[in-house]
Amino acid sequence: MQKLSYLFSVIFLMFFLSACGQQQTQQKPVEINGKTMGTTYNIKVFPGPVSLEAQRFKQEVDEALIAVNQSMSTYIPDSEINRFNRLEANTVMPISTDFRKVAAESIRLGQSTQTLDVTMGPLIDLWGFGPDKRPTKRPSQSEIEAMQTNIGVDKLALTDEGLAKSLPHLELSFSATAKGYGIDKVAELIEKKGLSNYMVEIGGELRISGNKPDGSPWRIAIEKPDAPAGQRQIHRVVAPGNNAIATSGDYRIFYEMDGEIFTHLIDPVTGKPVKHDLVSVTVLHPSAMTADGLATALTVMGTERAKVYAEQHNLPVYLISKTPEGLKTYSSPAFEPYLN
């Protein structure tokens, strides 16, 4: 599943920071990794008093992630989401528990932010950021408006019986929330085993819990958005506590046409790629799915709207804007305790 937003690969920085910290105790973590959802996953768990057999644990993780992918991948023809996308209008489709959770949170975030729209896939394709190649010409206003008539979370109806849509051509894409949900599923699996010191990463998104064996907290680095191409540099280090951390930005997925830059972040209200100075948004939240969706939504908002939303909802949010004078940062009041 392709992301609507670019999520920085901070995991290698996290390992670097761990290695540079205090000498850890002899307790060794259980580490597993693999592939899922078109990307990779990495998991580190410190067993403590509860033992954990790596091979069996990996099997359980793979089974959980395969189930999520089979439900929500638009690249699997018979996936649950593709069956919904082929559904006739005003027909209720029974859905799985996993699908219901992601649909409900995606709809809630869409209504709350007005910038996260999980039905916006065709509009993203129109601008050349979907599976098809980039357009050879800029979409016309009439094409944009025609596409906008077929999107909107207000055209979804989630009931006890299932999910329905009011338009036949309405399509879902959970690319802004499904990977985060996969992380939450794995974290739930770990916690059900009575374990509380872990790190789960899928495609650059993270969820952290507990501490390292020496009692020190996990530390995660936010990348510099203006680092030279091909290089990764640390901008700021945070200690997320028992939270997920998601970072979204608009400066690495784009194309240039007729002398104009077009980013992959599309505003569902205007139907056009965003044009503002906000280049990086980091969000902390207990749920990786929610952090993931919010990071995308706030990036689309732009700096001032994102500040207002973060403060109104008491969200831990860190913003980086690019100005003629250089990078300008903002941390919401709720984010301040996590800064190092």
C-alpha atoms as a PDB file:
ATOM      1  CA  MET A   1       0.000   0.000   0.000  1.00  0.00           C
ATOM      2  CA  GLN A   2       1.439   3.298  -1.080  1.00  0.00           C
ATOM      3  CA  LYS A   3       1.469   6.196   1.365  1.00  0.00           C
ATOM      4  CA  LEU A   4      -0.285   9.459   0.619  1.00  0.00           C
ATOM      5  CA  SER A   5       2.425  11.121   2.642  1.00  0.00           C
ATOM      6  CA  TYR A   6       6.146  10.469   2.927  1.00  0.00           C
ATOM      7  CA  LEU A   7       6.951   8.947   6.312  1.00  0.00           C
ATOM      8  CA  PHE A   8      10.599   9.406   7.224  1.00  0.00           C
ATOM      9  CA  SER A   9      12.629   6.280   7.915  1.00  0.00           C
ATOM     10  CA  VAL A  10      13.697   7.168  11.427  1.00  0.00           C
ATOM     11  CA  ILE A  11      14.233   3.609  12.551  1.00  0.00           C
ATOM     12  CA  PHE A  12      17.940   3.519  11.666  1.00  0.00           C
ATOM     13  CA  LEU A  13      18.405   6.707  13.651  1.00  0.00           C
ATOM     14  CA  MET A  14      16.675   5.139  16.629  1.00  0.00           C
ATOM     15  CA  PHE A  15      19.140   2.239  16.608  1.00  0.00           C
ATOM     16  CA  PHE A  16      22.028   4.691  16.271  1.00  0.00           C
ATOM     17  CA  LEU A  17      20.861   6.648  19.279  1.00  0.00           C
ATOM     18  CA  SER A  18      20.425   3.472  21.281  1.00  0.00           C
ATOM     19  CA  ALA A  19      23.973   2.367  20.503  1.00  0.00           C
ATOM     20  CA  CYS A  20      25.383   5.738  21.521  1.00  0.00           C
ATOM     21  CA  GLY A  21      23.618   5.715  24.889  1.00  0.00           C
ATOM     22  CA  GLN A  22      24.669   4.119  28.136  1.00  0.00           C
ATOM     23  CA  GLN A  23      25.981   0.583  28.180  1.00  0.00           C
ATOM     24  CA  GLN A  24      22.982  -1.716  28.260  1.00  0.00           C
ATOM     25  CA  THR A  25      22.622  -4.687  30.544  1.00  0.00           C
ATOM     26  CA  GLN A  26      23.265  -8.226  29.327  1.00  0.00           C
ATOM     27  CA  GLN A  27      19.562  -8.732  28.662  1.00  0.00           C
ATOM     28  CA  LYS A  28      19.182  -9.200  24.917  1.00  0.00           C
ATOM     29  CA  PRO A  29      16.061  -8.267  22.997  1.00  0.00           C
ATOM     30  CA  VAL A  30      14.103 -10.555  20.731  1.00  0.00           C
ATOM     31  CA  GLU A  31      14.409  -9.008  17.287  1.00  0.00           C
ATOM     32  CA  ILE A  32      12.455 -10.033  14.212  1.00  0.00           C
ATOM     33  CA  ASN A  33      11.979  -8.450  10.818  1.00  0.00           C
ATOM     34  CA  GLY A  34      10.261  -9.172   7.557  1.00  0.00           C
ATOM     35  CA  LYS A  35       8.177  -7.772   4.734  1.00  0.00           C
ATOM     36  CA  THR A  36       4.610  -6.531   4.782  1.00  0.00           C
ATOM     37  CA  MET A  37       2.337  -4.096   2.943  1.00  0.00           C
ATOM     38  CA  GLY A  38       4.915  -3.402   0.257  1.00  0.00           C
ATOM     39  CA  THR A  39       7.558  -2.414   2.800  1.00  0.00           C
ATOM     40  CA  THR A  40       9.463  -3.910   5.740  1.00  0.00           C
ATOM     41  CA  TYR A  41       8.888  -4.298   9.460  1.00  0.00           C
ATOM     42  CA  ASN A  42      11.318  -4.377  12.370  1.00  0.00           C
ATOM     43  CA  ILE A  43      10.386  -5.345  15.922  1.00  0.00           C
ATOM     44  CA  LYS A  44      12.451  -5.316  19.081  1.00  0.00           C
ATOM     45  CA  VAL A  45      11.061  -6.717  22.336  1.00  0.00           C
ATOM     46  CA  PHE A  46      12.802  -7.006  25.714  1.00  0.00           C
ATOM     47  CA  PRO A  47      11.206 -10.109  27.270  1.00  0.00           C
ATOM     48  CA  GLY A  48      11.978  -9.402  30.942  1.00  0.00           C
ATOM     49  CA  PRO A  49      10.376 -12.015  33.206  1.00  0.00           C
ATOM     50  CA  VAL A  50       8.226 -13.312  30.329  1.00  0.00           C
ATOM     51  CA  SER A  51      10.007 -15.491  27.778  1.00  0.00           C
ATOM     52  CA  LEU A  52       9.457 -15.034  24.063  1.00  0.00           C
ATOM     53  CA  GLU A  53      10.445 -17.583  21.417  1.00  0.00           C
ATOM     54  CA  ALA A  54      11.504 -15.655  18.313  1.00  0.00           C
ATOM     55  CA  GLN A  55      10.402 -18.104  15.617  1.00  0.00           C
ATOM     56  CA  ARG A  56       6.931 -18.585  17.040  1.00  0.00           C
ATOM     57  CA  PHE A  57       6.593 -14.857  17.677  1.00  0.00           C
ATOM     58  CA  LYS A  58       7.515 -14.052  14.074  1.00  0.00           C
ATOM     59  CA  GLN A  59       4.902 -16.501  12.845  1.00  0.00           C
ATOM     60  CA  GLU A  60       2.229 -14.792  14.941  1.00  0.00           C
ATOM     61  CA  VAL A  61       3.301 -11.340  13.726  1.00  0.00           C
ATOM     62  CA  ASP A  62       3.290 -12.436  10.081  1.00  0.00           C
ATOM     63  CA  GLU A  63      -0.167 -13.952  10.432  1.00  0.00           C
ATOM     64  CA  ALA A  64      -1.538 -10.739  11.965  1.00  0.00           C
ATOM     65  CA  LEU A  65      -0.010  -8.534   9.276  1.00  0.00           C
ATOM     66  CA  ILE A  66      -1.109 -10.812   6.442  1.00  0.00           C
ATOM     67  CA  ALA A  67      -4.678 -10.533   7.722  1.00  0.00           C
ATOM     68  CA  VAL A  68      -4.489  -6.719   7.762  1.00  0.00           C
ATOM     69  CA  ASN A  69      -2.968  -6.617   4.283  1.00  0.00           C
ATOM     70  CA  GLN A  70      -5.528  -9.053   2.879  1.00  0.00           C
ATOM     71  CA  SER A  71      -8.246  -6.810   4.233  1.00  0.00           C
ATOM     72  CA  MET A  72      -6.923  -3.386   3.228  1.00  0.00           C
ATOM     73  CA  SER A  73      -4.495  -3.639   0.313  1.00  0.00           C
ATOM     74  CA  THR A  74      -5.744  -2.198  -2.957  1.00  0.00           C
ATOM     75  CA  TYR A  75      -3.069  -4.285  -4.694  1.00  0.00           C
ATOM     76  CA  ILE A  76      -4.771  -7.589  -3.800  1.00  0.00           C
ATOM     77  CA  PRO A  77      -7.694  -8.124  -6.216  1.00  0.00           C
ATOM     78  CA  ASP A  78      -9.912  -9.999  -3.757  1.00  0.00           C
ATOM     79  CA  SER A  79      -9.075  -7.880  -0.702  1.00  0.00           C
ATOM     80  CA  GLU A  80     -11.884  -6.614   1.475  1.00  0.00           C
ATOM     81  CA  ILE A  81     -11.265  -3.018   0.408  1.00  0.00           C
ATOM     82  CA  ASN A  82     -11.363  -3.892  -3.298  1.00  0.00           C
ATOM     83  CA  ARG A  83     -14.607  -5.788  -2.829  1.00  0.00           C
ATOM     84  CA  PHE A  84     -16.036  -2.652  -1.241  1.00  0.00           C
ATOM     85  CA  ASN A  85     -14.703  -0.470  -4.056  1.00  0.00           C
ATOM     86  CA  ARG A  86     -16.555  -2.658  -6.585  1.00  0.00           C
ATOM     87  CA  LEU A  87     -19.745  -2.533  -4.527  1.00  0.00           C
ATOM     88  CA  GLU A  88     -22.885  -0.982  -5.944  1.00  0.00           C
ATOM     89  CA  ALA A  89     -24.151   2.201  -4.364  1.00  0.00           C
ATOM     90  CA  ASN A  90     -26.440   1.973  -1.321  1.00  0.00           C
ATOM     91  CA  THR A  91     -25.547  -1.660  -0.722  1.00  0.00           C
ATOM     92  CA  VAL A  92     -24.344  -2.559   2.755  1.00  0.00           C
ATOM     93  CA  MET A  93     -21.292  -4.831   2.847  1.00  0.00           C
ATOM     94  CA  PRO A  94     -20.564  -6.770   6.048  1.00  0.00           C
ATOM     95  CA  ILE A  95     -17.001  -6.008   7.136  1.00  0.00           C
ATOM     96  CA  SER A  96     -14.401  -7.546   9.414  1.00  0.00           C
ATOM     97  CA  THR A  97     -13.498  -6.159  12.831  1.00  0.00           C
ATOM     98  CA  ASP A  98     -10.168  -4.867  11.544  1.00  0.00           C
ATOM     99  CA  PHE A  99     -11.762  -3.151   8.570  1.00  0.00           C
ATOM    100  CA  ARG A 100     -14.407  -1.581  10.790  1.00  0.00           C
ATOM    101  CA  LYS A 101     -11.817  -0.111  13.147  1.00  0.00           C
ATOM    102  CA  VAL A 102      -9.800   1.476  10.349  1.00  0.00           C
ATOM    103  CA  ALA A 103     -12.889   2.718   8.506  1.00  0.00           C
ATOM    104  CA  ALA A 104     -14.332   4.255  11.677  1.00  0.00           C
ATOM    105  CA  GLU A 105     -11.125   6.086  12.594  1.00  0.00           C
ATOM    106  CA  SER A 106     -10.525   7.207   9.011  1.00  0.00           C
ATOM    107  CA  ILE A 107     -14.033   8.652   8.818  1.00  0.00           C
ATOM    108  CA  ARG A 108     -13.660  10.330  12.215  1.00  0.00           C
ATOM    109  CA  LEU A 109     -10.345  11.927  11.251  1.00  0.00           C
ATOM    110  CA  GLY A 110     -11.780  13.017   7.920  1.00  0.00           C
ATOM    111  CA  GLN A 111     -14.702  14.739   9.599  1.00  0.00           C
ATOM    112  CA  SER A 112     -12.505  16.312  12.269  1.00  0.00           C
ATOM    113  CA  THR A 113      -9.655  17.579  10.086  1.00  0.00           C
ATOM    114  CA  GLN A 114     -11.412  18.148   6.731  1.00  0.00           C
ATOM    115  CA  THR A 115      -8.026  17.383   5.117  1.00  0.00           C
ATOM    116  CA  LEU A 116      -7.731  13.593   5.447  1.00  0.00           C
ATOM    117  CA  ASP A 117      -9.992  11.910   2.923  1.00  0.00           C
ATOM    118  CA  VAL A 118      -9.649   8.154   2.415  1.00  0.00           C
ATOM    119  CA  THR A 119     -11.884   8.322  -0.678  1.00  0.00           C
ATOM    120  CA  MET A 120      -9.475  10.631  -2.533  1.00  0.00           C
ATOM    121  CA  GLY A 121      -7.548   7.970  -4.482  1.00  0.00           C
ATOM    122  CA  PRO A 122      -8.965   8.862  -7.944  1.00  0.00           C
ATOM    123  CA  LEU A 123      -8.087  12.526  -7.389  1.00  0.00           C
ATOM    124  CA  ILE A 124      -4.529  11.581  -6.412  1.00  0.00           C
ATOM    125  CA  ASP A 125      -4.314   9.428  -9.550  1.00  0.00           C
ATOM    126  CA  LEU A 126      -5.488  12.399 -11.615  1.00  0.00           C
ATOM    127  CA  TRP A 127      -2.472  14.378 -10.425  1.00  0.00           C
ATOM    128  CA  GLY A 128      -0.078  11.543 -11.232  1.00  0.00           C
ATOM    129  CA  PHE A 129       0.712  10.196  -7.774  1.00  0.00           C
ATOM    130  CA  GLY A 130      -1.126   6.887  -8.025  1.00  0.00           C
ATOM    131  CA  PRO A 131      -0.139   3.642  -9.790  1.00  0.00           C
ATOM    132  CA  ASP A 132      -0.413   5.347 -13.178  1.00  0.00           C
ATOM    133  CA  LYS A 133       2.311   7.523 -14.634  1.00  0.00           C
ATOM    134  CA  ARG A 134       2.474  11.253 -13.972  1.00  0.00           C
ATOM    135  CA  PRO A 135       0.250  13.333 -16.249  1.00  0.00           C
ATOM    136  CA  THR A 136       1.666  14.956 -19.364  1.00  0.00           C
ATOM    137  CA  LYS A 137      -0.417  18.048 -18.729  1.00  0.00           C
ATOM    138  CA  ARG A 138      -1.952  19.747 -15.732  1.00  0.00           C
ATOM    139  CA  PRO A 139      -5.536  18.580 -15.028  1.00  0.00           C
ATOM    140  CA  SER A 140      -8.154  21.147 -15.994  1.00  0.00           C
ATOM    141  CA  GLN A 141     -10.437  22.739 -13.425  1.00  0.00           C
ATOM    142  CA  SER A 142     -13.399  20.894 -14.922  1.00  0.00           C
ATOM    143  CA  GLU A 143     -11.572  17.559 -14.576  1.00  0.00           C
ATOM    144  CA  ILE A 144     -10.754  18.344 -10.944  1.00  0.00           C
ATOM    145  CA  GLU A 145     -14.319  19.343 -10.145  1.00  0.00           C
ATOM    146  CA  ALA A 146     -15.705  16.241 -11.843  1.00  0.00           C
ATOM    147  CA  MET A 147     -13.389  14.063  -9.777  1.00  0.00           C
ATOM    148  CA  GLN A 148     -14.345  15.885  -6.564  1.00  0.00           C
ATOM    149  CA  THR A 149     -17.973  14.899  -7.021  1.00  0.00           C
ATOM    150  CA  ASN A 150     -16.927  11.267  -6.493  1.00  0.00           C
ATOM    151  CA  ILE A 151     -15.048  11.728  -3.220  1.00  0.00           C
ATOM    152  CA  GLY A 152     -15.899  12.522   0.398  1.00  0.00           C
ATOM    153  CA  VAL A 153     -16.192  10.597   3.661  1.00  0.00           C
ATOM    154  CA  ASP A 154     -19.686  12.078   3.994  1.00  0.00           C
ATOM    155  CA  LYS A 155     -20.678   9.650   1.246  1.00  0.00           C
ATOM    156  CA  LEU A 156     -19.822   6.661   3.471  1.00  0.00           C
ATOM    157  CA  ALA A 157     -22.280   5.101   5.908  1.00  0.00           C
ATOM    158  CA  LEU A 158     -20.896   2.893   8.692  1.00  0.00           C
ATOM    159  CA  THR A 159     -23.598   0.958  10.551  1.00  0.00           C
ATOM    160  CA  ASP A 160     -23.839  -2.103  12.763  1.00  0.00           C
ATOM    161  CA  GLU A 161     -24.604  -4.106   9.619  1.00  0.00           C
ATOM    162  CA  GLY A 162     -21.533  -2.956   7.690  1.00  0.00           C
ATOM    163  CA  LEU A 163     -20.326  -0.212   5.353  1.00  0.00           C
ATOM    164  CA  ALA A 164     -22.112   1.383   2.405  1.00  0.00           C
ATOM    165  CA  LYS A 165     -21.482   4.203  -0.054  1.00  0.00           C
ATOM    166  CA  SER A 166     -23.920   6.571  -1.697  1.00  0.00           C
ATOM    167  CA  LEU A 167     -22.018   6.814  -5.004  1.00  0.00           C
ATOM    168  CA  PRO A 168     -21.140   3.862  -7.264  1.00  0.00           C
ATOM    169  CA  HIS A 169     -17.663   5.137  -8.190  1.00  0.00           C
ATOM    170  CA  LEU A 170     -16.557   6.026  -4.666  1.00  0.00           C
ATOM    171  CA  GLU A 171     -13.360   4.157  -3.721  1.00  0.00           C
ATOM    172  CA  LEU A 172     -11.493   3.707  -0.457  1.00  0.00           C
ATOM    173  CA  SER A 173      -7.761   3.775   0.169  1.00  0.00           C
ATOM    174  CA  PHE A 174      -6.460   3.326   3.722  1.00  0.00           C
ATOM    175  CA  SER A 175      -2.891   4.221   2.752  1.00  0.00           C
ATOM    176  CA  ALA A 176      -2.784   6.919   5.450  1.00  0.00           C
ATOM    177  CA  THR A 177      -4.000   4.669   8.273  1.00  0.00           C
ATOM    178  CA  ALA A 178      -3.569   0.944   7.465  1.00  0.00           C
ATOM    179  CA  LYS A 179       0.161   0.656   8.220  1.00  0.00           C
ATOM    180  CA  GLY A 180      -0.381   2.406  11.507  1.00  0.00           C
ATOM    181  CA  TYR A 181      -3.150  -0.047  12.279  1.00  0.00           C
ATOM    182  CA  GLY A 182      -0.788  -2.911  11.490  1.00  0.00           C
ATOM    183  CA  ILE A 183       1.612  -1.514  14.078  1.00  0.00           C
ATOM    184  CA  ASP A 184      -1.186  -1.292  16.621  1.00  0.00           C
ATOM    185  CA  LYS A 185      -2.141  -4.926  15.934  1.00  0.00           C
ATOM    186  CA  VAL A 186       1.416  -6.088  16.578  1.00  0.00           C
ATOM    187  CA  ALA A 187       1.658  -3.950  19.734  1.00  0.00           C
ATOM    188  CA  GLU A 188      -1.588  -5.494  20.964  1.00  0.00           C
ATOM    189  CA  LEU A 189      -0.166  -8.955  20.290  1.00  0.00           C
ATOM    190  CA  ILE A 190       2.944  -8.141  22.341  1.00  0.00           C
ATOM    191  CA  GLU A 191       1.014  -6.655  25.247  1.00  0.00           C
ATOM    192  CA  LYS A 192      -1.310  -9.662  25.407  1.00  0.00           C
ATOM    193  CA  LYS A 193       1.814 -11.682  26.217  1.00  0.00           C
ATOM    194  CA  GLY A 194       2.423  -9.504  29.267  1.00  0.00           C
ATOM    195  CA  LEU A 195       5.336  -7.629  27.677  1.00  0.00           C
ATOM    196  CA  SER A 196       5.677  -3.858  27.896  1.00  0.00           C
ATOM    197  CA  ASN A 197       9.168  -2.925  26.650  1.00  0.00           C
ATOM    198  CA  TYR A 198       9.148  -2.926  22.860  1.00  0.00           C
ATOM    199  CA  MET A 199       9.513  -1.050  19.603  1.00  0.00           C
ATOM    200  CA  VAL A 200       7.430  -1.835  16.506  1.00  0.00           C
ATOM    201  CA  GLU A 201       8.234  -0.261  13.132  1.00  0.00           C
ATOM    202  CA  ILE A 202       6.567  -0.670   9.745  1.00  0.00           C
ATOM    203  CA  GLY A 203       7.749   1.398   6.808  1.00  0.00           C
ATOM    204  CA  GLY A 204       9.215   4.134   9.003  1.00  0.00           C
ATOM    205  CA  GLU A 205       6.256   4.428  11.383  1.00  0.00           C
ATOM    206  CA  LEU A 206       6.907   3.550  15.009  1.00  0.00           C
ATOM    207  CA  ARG A 207       5.214   2.633  18.243  1.00  0.00           C
ATOM    208  CA  ILE A 208       7.261   2.594  21.434  1.00  0.00           C
ATOM    209  CA  SER A 209       6.529   1.275  24.912  1.00  0.00           C
ATOM    210  CA  GLY A 210       8.431   1.051  28.181  1.00  0.00           C
ATOM    211  CA  ASN A 211      12.183   1.505  28.493  1.00  0.00           C
ATOM    212  CA  LYS A 212      15.463  -0.102  27.529  1.00  0.00           C
ATOM    213  CA  PRO A 213      16.983  -2.589  30.027  1.00  0.00           C
ATOM    214  CA  ASP A 214      19.119   0.095  31.659  1.00  0.00           C
ATOM    215  CA  GLY A 215      15.974   2.058  32.483  1.00  0.00           C
ATOM    216  CA  SER A 216      16.614   4.790  29.934  1.00  0.00           C
ATOM    217  CA  PRO A 217      13.814   5.778  27.558  1.00  0.00           C
ATOM    218  CA  TRP A 218      13.687   5.056  23.856  1.00  0.00           C
ATOM    219  CA  ARG A 219      14.863   8.058  21.866  1.00  0.00           C
ATOM    220  CA  ILE A 220      13.799   8.794  18.286  1.00  0.00           C
ATOM    221  CA  ALA A 221      15.364  11.265  15.871  1.00  0.00           C
ATOM    222  CA  ILE A 222      13.393  13.528  13.563  1.00  0.00           C
ATOM    223  CA  GLU A 223      15.201  14.028  10.264  1.00  0.00           C
ATOM    224  CA  LYS A 224      16.266  17.356   8.842  1.00  0.00           C
ATOM    225  CA  PRO A 225      13.969  18.106   5.904  1.00  0.00           C
ATOM    226  CA  ASP A 226      16.634  20.236   4.197  1.00  0.00           C
ATOM    227  CA  ALA A 227      19.450  17.679   4.329  1.00  0.00           C
ATOM    228  CA  PRO A 228      21.293  17.172   1.031  1.00  0.00           C
ATOM    229  CA  ALA A 229      19.774  14.589  -1.286  1.00  0.00           C
ATOM    230  CA  GLY A 230      20.873  11.075  -0.383  1.00  0.00           C
ATOM    231  CA  GLN A 231      21.904  12.082   3.128  1.00  0.00           C
ATOM    232  CA  ARG A 232      20.038  11.730   6.392  1.00  0.00           C
ATOM    233  CA  GLN A 233      20.768  14.107   9.218  1.00  0.00           C
ATOM    234  CA  ILE A 234      19.280  14.483  12.679  1.00  0.00           C
ATOM    235  CA  HIS A 235      17.192  17.577  13.269  1.00  0.00           C
ATOM    236  CA  ARG A 236      15.858  16.880  16.763  1.00  0.00           C
ATOM    237  CA  VAL A 237      15.708  13.986  19.210  1.00  0.00           C
ATOM    238  CA  VAL A 238      12.533  13.144  21.118  1.00  0.00           C
ATOM    239  CA  ALA A 239      11.613  10.630  23.811  1.00  0.00           C
ATOM    240  CA  PRO A 240       8.083   9.536  22.755  1.00  0.00           C
ATOM    241  CA  GLY A 241       7.236   7.623  25.936  1.00  0.00           C
ATOM    242  CA  ASN A 242       4.465   5.072  25.464  1.00  0.00           C
ATOM    243  CA  ASN A 243       3.316   6.447  22.126  1.00  0.00           C
ATOM    244  CA  ALA A 244       3.408   5.993  18.410  1.00  0.00           C
ATOM    245  CA  ILE A 245       5.353   8.539  16.369  1.00  0.00           C
ATOM    246  CA  ALA A 246       4.554   9.413  12.764  1.00  0.00           C
ATOM    247  CA  THR A 247       6.269  12.008  10.607  1.00  0.00           C
ATOM    248  CA  SER A 248       4.908  13.271   7.308  1.00  0.00           C
ATOM    249  CA  GLY A 249       6.436  15.675   4.812  1.00  0.00           C
ATOM    250  CA  ASP A 250       5.933  17.023   1.319  1.00  0.00           C
ATOM    251  CA  TYR A 251       9.419  17.629  -0.005  1.00  0.00           C
ATOM    252  CA  ARG A 252      10.575  14.269  -1.389  1.00  0.00           C
ATOM    253  CA  ILE A 253       7.597  13.071  -3.417  1.00  0.00           C
ATOM    254  CA  PHE A 254       6.890  15.583  -6.156  1.00  0.00           C
ATOM    255  CA  TYR A 255       7.417  16.328  -9.811  1.00  0.00           C
ATOM    256  CA  GLU A 256       8.021  19.434 -11.870  1.00  0.00           C
ATOM    257  CA  MET A 257       5.961  20.334 -14.917  1.00  0.00           C
ATOM    258  CA  ASP A 258       6.021  23.569 -16.900  1.00  0.00           C
ATOM    259  CA  GLY A 259       8.306  25.104 -14.297  1.00  0.00           C
ATOM    260  CA  GLU A 260       5.902  24.380 -11.418  1.00  0.00           C
ATOM    261  CA  ILE A 261       6.388  21.940  -8.535  1.00  0.00           C
ATOM    262  CA  PHE A 262       3.522  19.566  -7.726  1.00  0.00           C
ATOM    263  CA  THR A 263       3.598  17.725  -4.391  1.00  0.00           C
ATOM    264  CA  HIS A 264       1.822  14.436  -3.708  1.00  0.00           C
ATOM    265  CA  LEU A 265      -0.242  15.996  -0.897  1.00  0.00           C
ATOM    266  CA  ILE A 266      -3.654  16.914  -2.302  1.00  0.00           C
ATOM    267  CA  ASP A 267      -6.151  19.155  -0.514  1.00  0.00           C
ATOM    268  CA  PRO A 268      -9.598  17.537  -0.928  1.00  0.00           C
ATOM    269  CA  VAL A 269     -11.273  20.957  -0.620  1.00  0.00           C
ATOM    270  CA  THR A 270      -9.432  22.539  -3.556  1.00  0.00           C
ATOM    271  CA  GLY A 271      -8.658  19.291  -5.348  1.00  0.00           C
ATOM    272  CA  LYS A 272      -5.107  20.526  -5.943  1.00  0.00           C
ATOM    273  CA  PRO A 273      -1.623  19.846  -4.541  1.00  0.00           C
ATOM    274  CA  VAL A 274      -0.883  21.943  -1.479  1.00  0.00           C
ATOM    275  CA  LYS A 275       1.381  24.976  -1.749  1.00  0.00           C
ATOM    276  CA  HIS A 276       2.703  26.155   1.597  1.00  0.00           C
ATOM    277  CA  ASP A 277       5.878  26.288   3.670  1.00  0.00           C
ATOM    278  CA  LEU A 278       5.150  23.358   6.032  1.00  0.00           C
ATOM    279  CA  VAL A 279       7.632  20.594   5.161  1.00  0.00           C
ATOM    280  CA  SER A 280       7.521  18.217   8.142  1.00  0.00           C
ATOM    281  CA  VAL A 281       4.901  17.229  10.724  1.00  0.00           C
ATOM    282  CA  THR A 282       5.562  14.857  13.614  1.00  0.00           C
ATOM    283  CA  VAL A 283       2.657  13.586  15.711  1.00  0.00           C
ATOM    284  CA  LEU A 284       2.656  11.524  18.904  1.00  0.00           C
ATOM    285  CA  HIS A 285      -0.399   9.478  19.858  1.00  0.00           C
ATOM    286  CA  PRO A 286      -1.069   6.213  21.713  1.00  0.00           C
ATOM    287  CA  SER A 287      -2.424   4.775  18.435  1.00  0.00           C
ATOM    288  CA  ALA A 288      -0.097   4.483  15.436  1.00  0.00           C
ATOM    289  CA  MET A 289      -3.121   4.500  13.151  1.00  0.00           C
ATOM    290  CA  THR A 290      -4.276   7.833  14.535  1.00  0.00           C
ATOM    291  CA  ALA A 291      -0.782   9.352  14.563  1.00  0.00           C
ATOM    292  CA  ASP A 292      -0.332   8.261  10.958  1.00  0.00           C
ATOM    293  CA  GLY A 293      -3.586   9.818   9.782  1.00  0.00           C
ATOM    294  CA  LEU A 294      -3.067  13.028  11.737  1.00  0.00           C
ATOM    295  CA  ALA A 295       0.455  13.531  10.378  1.00  0.00           C
ATOM    296  CA  THR A 296      -0.925  13.459   6.847  1.00  0.00           C
ATOM    297  CA  ALA A 297      -3.900  15.673   7.674  1.00  0.00           C
ATOM    298  CA  LEU A 298      -1.843  18.354   9.433  1.00  0.00           C
ATOM    299  CA  THR A 299       0.688  18.455   6.613  1.00  0.00           C
ATOM    300  CA  VAL A 300      -2.104  19.226   4.161  1.00  0.00           C
ATOM    301  CA  MET A 301      -3.409  21.980   6.478  1.00  0.00           C
ATOM    302  CA  GLY A 302      -0.257  24.069   6.444  1.00  0.00           C
ATOM    303  CA  THR A 303       1.511  25.666   9.383  1.00  0.00           C
ATOM    304  CA  GLU A 304      -1.062  28.038  10.832  1.00  0.00           C
ATOM    305  CA  ARG A 305      -4.049  25.725  10.523  1.00  0.00           C
ATOM    306  CA  ALA A 306      -2.006  22.827  11.915  1.00  0.00           C
ATOM    307  CA  LYS A 307      -1.011  24.916  14.951  1.00  0.00           C
ATOM    308  CA  VAL A 308      -4.616  25.828  15.669  1.00  0.00           C
ATOM    309  CA  TYR A 309      -5.815  22.241  15.282  1.00  0.00           C
ATOM    310  CA  ALA A 310      -3.039  20.849  17.497  1.00  0.00           C
ATOM    311  CA  GLU A 311      -3.753  23.308  20.283  1.00  0.00           C
ATOM    312  CA  GLN A 312      -7.528  22.914  20.055  1.00  0.00           C
ATOM    313  CA  HIS A 313      -7.210  19.130  20.360  1.00  0.00           C
ATOM    314  CA  ASN A 314      -4.267  19.124  22.811  1.00  0.00           C
ATOM    315  CA  LEU A 315      -2.137  17.100  20.395  1.00  0.00           C
ATOM    316  CA  PRO A 316       1.634  16.568  20.736  1.00  0.00           C
ATOM    317  CA  VAL A 317       2.743  17.998  17.395  1.00  0.00           C
ATOM    318  CA  TYR A 318       6.098  19.221  16.068  1.00  0.00           C
ATOM    319  CA  LEU A 319       6.146  21.306  12.871  1.00  0.00           C
ATOM    320  CA  ILE A 320       9.035  22.308  10.629  1.00  0.00           C
ATOM    321  CA  SER A 321       8.471  25.071   8.082  1.00  0.00           C
ATOM    322  CA  LYS A 322      10.864  26.239   5.388  1.00  0.00           C
ATOM    323  CA  THR A 323      11.289  30.012   5.206  1.00  0.00           C
ATOM    324  CA  PRO A 324      13.697  32.306   3.304  1.00  0.00           C
ATOM    325  CA  GLU A 325      15.637  32.633   6.589  1.00  0.00           C
ATOM    326  CA  GLY A 326      15.899  28.878   7.039  1.00  0.00           C
ATOM    327  CA  LEU A 327      13.937  26.238   8.951  1.00  0.00           C
ATOM    328  CA  LYS A 328      11.402  27.418  11.509  1.00  0.00           C
ATOM    329  CA  THR A 329      10.049  25.029  14.127  1.00  0.00           C
ATOM    330  CA  TYR A 330       6.996  24.878  16.362  1.00  0.00           C
ATOM    331  CA  SER A 331       6.184  22.446  19.148  1.00  0.00           C
ATOM    332  CA  SER A 332       2.687  22.390  20.596  1.00  0.00           C
ATOM    333  CA  PRO A 333       2.332  22.691  24.378  1.00  0.00           C
ATOM    334  CA  ALA A 334       1.460  18.976  24.523  1.00  0.00           C
ATOM    335  CA  PHE A 335       4.698  18.099  22.670  1.00  0.00           C
ATOM    336  CA  GLU A 336       7.084  20.010  24.943  1.00  0.00           C
ATOM    337  CA  PRO A 337       7.502  17.236  27.574  1.00  0.00           C
ATOM    338  CA  TYR A 338       8.843  14.846  24.917  1.00  0.00           C
ATOM    339  CA  LEU A 339      11.698  17.066  23.690  1.00  0.00           C
ATOM    340  CA  ASN A 340      15.281  16.206  24.654  1.00  0.00           C
END
